[in-house]
C-alpha cells in the first residue's frame, strides 16, 4: 500500500474533513477501512495509518519493549494513548478531534501528504516545514542513493 500526493482540503466547523479520493481508493484496494490517527513523533502534523500499517508498527514496537522495562512501558503507554481509531463516514469524511487539531495547530486549511504507507495531515500554513530547499533535497537524495552502492 503506497500513498502518493500532496492535496489541500478544508475542515468544516466540527473538524470533519474529506479524505482525498486518491487515498480512499488505495485504502479500498487494500481492503483497509479503519484508520488510526496520532500526532507525529517528530513533526507538528497528524499521521493517518491504515489499520494494517498501524498493527505492523505496533508489533515492531512491542518486539523491542519488555513488559518488565518501566521506561519502555511508559513510551508504549504514551504512544498508544495518543492514538485514535477512525472510520470514514458514507461520504468519505472523518472527524479530527479538537485536541488533535490543537496538537497540529490546524485551524481550517489542511494538506494531506502521502508518505508511503501512511498519510500526514499538516496545517496548510506549516507545509513548508517538512521540506528541504530544492538544492538541499537534491544533495541529500544523492547522498542517500549513493550510500551502500557497490563499487565496480
Protein backbone atom coordinates (compact mmCIF):
# COMPACT_ATOMS: atom_id res chain seq x y z
CA UNK A 1 0.00 0.00 0.00
CA UNK A 2 1.50 3.30 -1.10
CA UNK A 3 0.08 6.78 -0.69
CA UNK A 4 1.41 9.47 -3.02
CA UNK A 5 0.42 13.07 -3.43
CA UNK A 6 0.05 16.44 -1.83
CA UNK A 7 -3.60 17.54 -1.62
CA UNK A 8 -5.22 20.55 0.07
CA UNK A 9 -8.58 20.41 1.86
CA UNK A 10 -10.60 22.26 4.49
CA UNK A 11 -12.12 21.09 7.74
CA UNK A 12 -15.71 22.06 8.48
CA UNK A 13 -16.86 23.81 11.70
CA UNK A 14 -16.99 20.45 13.53
CA UNK A 15 -13.49 19.42 12.45
CA UNK A 16 -14.60 16.95 9.77
CA UNK A 17 -12.62 16.64 6.57
CA UNK A 18 -12.87 14.57 3.40
CA UNK A 19 -10.09 12.04 2.91
CA UNK A 20 -8.90 12.73 -0.66
CA UNK A 21 -10.38 10.29 -3.19
CA UNK A 22 -6.95 9.09 -4.35
CA UNK A 23 -6.15 7.97 -0.80
CA UNK A 24 -9.60 6.40 -0.32
CA UNK A 25 -9.04 4.32 -3.47
CA UNK A 26 -5.74 2.99 -2.10
CA UNK A 27 -7.46 2.03 1.17
CA UNK A 28 -10.34 0.34 -0.65
CA UNK A 29 -7.99 -1.60 -2.93
CA UNK A 30 -6.12 -2.87 0.15
CA UNK A 31 -9.36 -3.70 1.98
CA UNK A 32 -8.45 -1.37 4.88
CA UNK A 33 -11.45 0.56 6.20
CA UNK A 34 -10.22 1.52 9.67
CA UNK A 35 -7.63 4.25 10.20
CA UNK A 36 -5.55 5.09 13.25
CA UNK A 37 -4.53 8.72 13.80
CA UNK A 38 -1.89 10.09 16.10
CA UNK A 39 0.32 13.13 16.31
CA UNK A 40 3.63 12.56 14.56
CA UNK A 41 6.51 11.78 16.91
CA UNK A 42 8.88 14.28 15.23
CA UNK A 43 6.79 16.97 13.49
CA UNK A 44 3.74 19.14 14.20
CA UNK A 45 1.45 17.13 11.99
CA UNK A 46 -1.02 14.27 12.31
CA UNK A 47 -0.48 10.86 10.76
CA UNK A 48 -3.17 8.51 9.47
CA UNK A 49 -2.22 4.85 9.44
CA UNK A 50 -4.35 2.20 7.77
CA UNK A 51 -5.11 -0.39 10.45
CA UNK A 52 -2.78 -2.98 8.87
CA UNK A 53 0.11 -0.49 8.86
CA UNK A 54 -0.60 0.53 12.46
CA UNK A 55 -0.63 -3.11 13.53
CA UNK A 56 2.73 -3.78 11.84
CA UNK A 57 4.27 -0.76 13.55
CA UNK A 58 2.82 -1.76 16.92
CA UNK A 59 4.18 -5.30 16.50
CA UNK A 60 7.64 -3.87 15.73
CA UNK A 61 7.48 -1.63 18.83
CA UNK A 62 6.24 -4.45 21.07
CA UNK A 63 9.11 -6.69 19.92
CA UNK A 64 11.54 -4.13 21.35
CA UNK A 65 9.81 -3.46 24.68
CA UNK A 66 9.80 -5.83 27.60
CA UNK A 67 6.80 -5.79 29.91
CA UNK A 68 9.40 -5.55 32.73
CA UNK A 69 11.01 -2.39 31.34
CA UNK A 70 9.38 0.57 33.14
CA UNK A 71 10.61 3.20 30.66
CA UNK A 72 9.60 1.05 27.70
CA UNK A 73 6.12 0.67 29.17
CA UNK A 74 5.86 4.44 29.63
CA UNK A 75 6.85 5.00 25.99
CA UNK A 76 4.32 2.39 24.86
CA UNK A 77 1.59 3.92 27.04
CA UNK A 78 2.18 7.39 25.63
CA UNK A 79 2.42 6.14 22.04
CA UNK A 80 -0.83 4.19 22.28
CA UNK A 81 -2.77 6.71 24.38
CA UNK A 82 -2.13 9.43 21.78
CA UNK A 83 -3.76 7.30 19.05
CA UNK A 84 -7.37 7.45 17.91
CA UNK A 85 -9.28 4.89 15.81
CA UNK A 86 -11.23 6.48 12.93
CA UNK A 87 -13.65 5.26 10.32
CA UNK A 88 -14.81 7.20 7.29
CA UNK A 89 -18.48 8.08 7.04
CA UNK A 90 -20.51 7.29 3.91
CA UNK A 91 -19.23 10.47 2.26
CA UNK A 92 -15.54 9.73 2.90
CA UNK A 93 -15.22 12.17 5.80
CA UNK A 94 -13.72 11.69 9.23
CA UNK A 95 -13.63 13.82 12.36
CA UNK A 96 -10.36 15.25 13.62
CA UNK A 97 -10.94 15.67 17.36
CA UNK A 98 -10.25 19.13 18.77
CA UNK A 99 -7.21 18.01 20.78
CA UNK A 100 -5.56 16.77 17.56
CA UNK A 101 -6.39 19.99 15.73
CA UNK A 102 -4.65 21.84 18.57
CA UNK A 103 -1.62 19.50 18.63
CA UNK A 104 -1.02 20.09 14.91
CA UNK A 105 -2.02 23.78 15.08
CA UNK A 106 -4.68 23.21 12.41
CA UNK A 107 -7.27 25.94 12.05
CA UNK A 108 -9.20 25.07 8.89
CA UNK A 109 -6.99 24.50 5.86
CA UNK A 110 -5.07 21.24 5.75
CA UNK A 111 -2.69 19.49 3.40
CA UNK A 112 -2.67 15.72 3.06
CA UNK A 113 0.75 14.34 2.14
CA UNK A 114 1.11 10.72 1.08
CA UNK A 115 4.07 9.18 2.93
CA UNK A 116 4.40 5.66 1.56
CA UNK A 117 2.20 3.52 3.88
CA UNK A 118 0.77 6.45 5.88
CA UNK A 119 -0.79 9.88 5.29
CA UNK A 120 0.34 13.07 7.01
CA UNK A 121 -2.06 15.93 7.73
CA UNK A 122 -0.48 19.37 8.05
CA UNK A 123 -1.85 22.82 8.73
CA UNK A 124 -1.56 24.40 5.27
CA UNK A 125 0.46 27.29 6.75
CA UNK A 126 3.09 24.83 8.03
CA UNK A 127 3.63 22.70 4.94
CA UNK A 128 6.94 24.33 4.08
CA UNK A 129 8.38 22.98 7.37
CA UNK A 130 8.84 19.33 6.36
CA UNK A 131 10.54 20.12 3.06
CA UNK A 132 14.13 20.93 2.11
CA UNK A 133 15.14 23.53 -0.44
CA UNK A 134 15.40 22.03 -3.93
CA UNK A 135 19.19 22.19 -3.84
CA UNK A 136 19.44 20.57 -0.40
CA UNK A 137 16.90 17.91 -1.41
CA UNK A 138 18.96 17.05 -4.48
CA UNK A 139 22.16 16.76 -2.43
CA UNK A 140 20.57 14.65 0.33
CA UNK A 141 18.85 12.31 -2.13
CA UNK A 142 22.14 11.81 -3.96
CA UNK A 143 23.88 11.01 -0.64
CA UNK A 144 21.19 8.51 0.32
CA UNK A 145 21.16 6.81 -3.06
CA UNK A 146 24.96 6.62 -3.19
CA UNK A 147 25.37 5.18 0.32
CA UNK A 148 25.87 1.47 0.24
CA UNK A 149 26.29 1.38 -3.56
CA UNK A 150 28.68 -1.36 -4.60
CA UNK A 151 31.87 -0.25 -6.29
CA UNK A 152 32.91 -1.78 -9.57
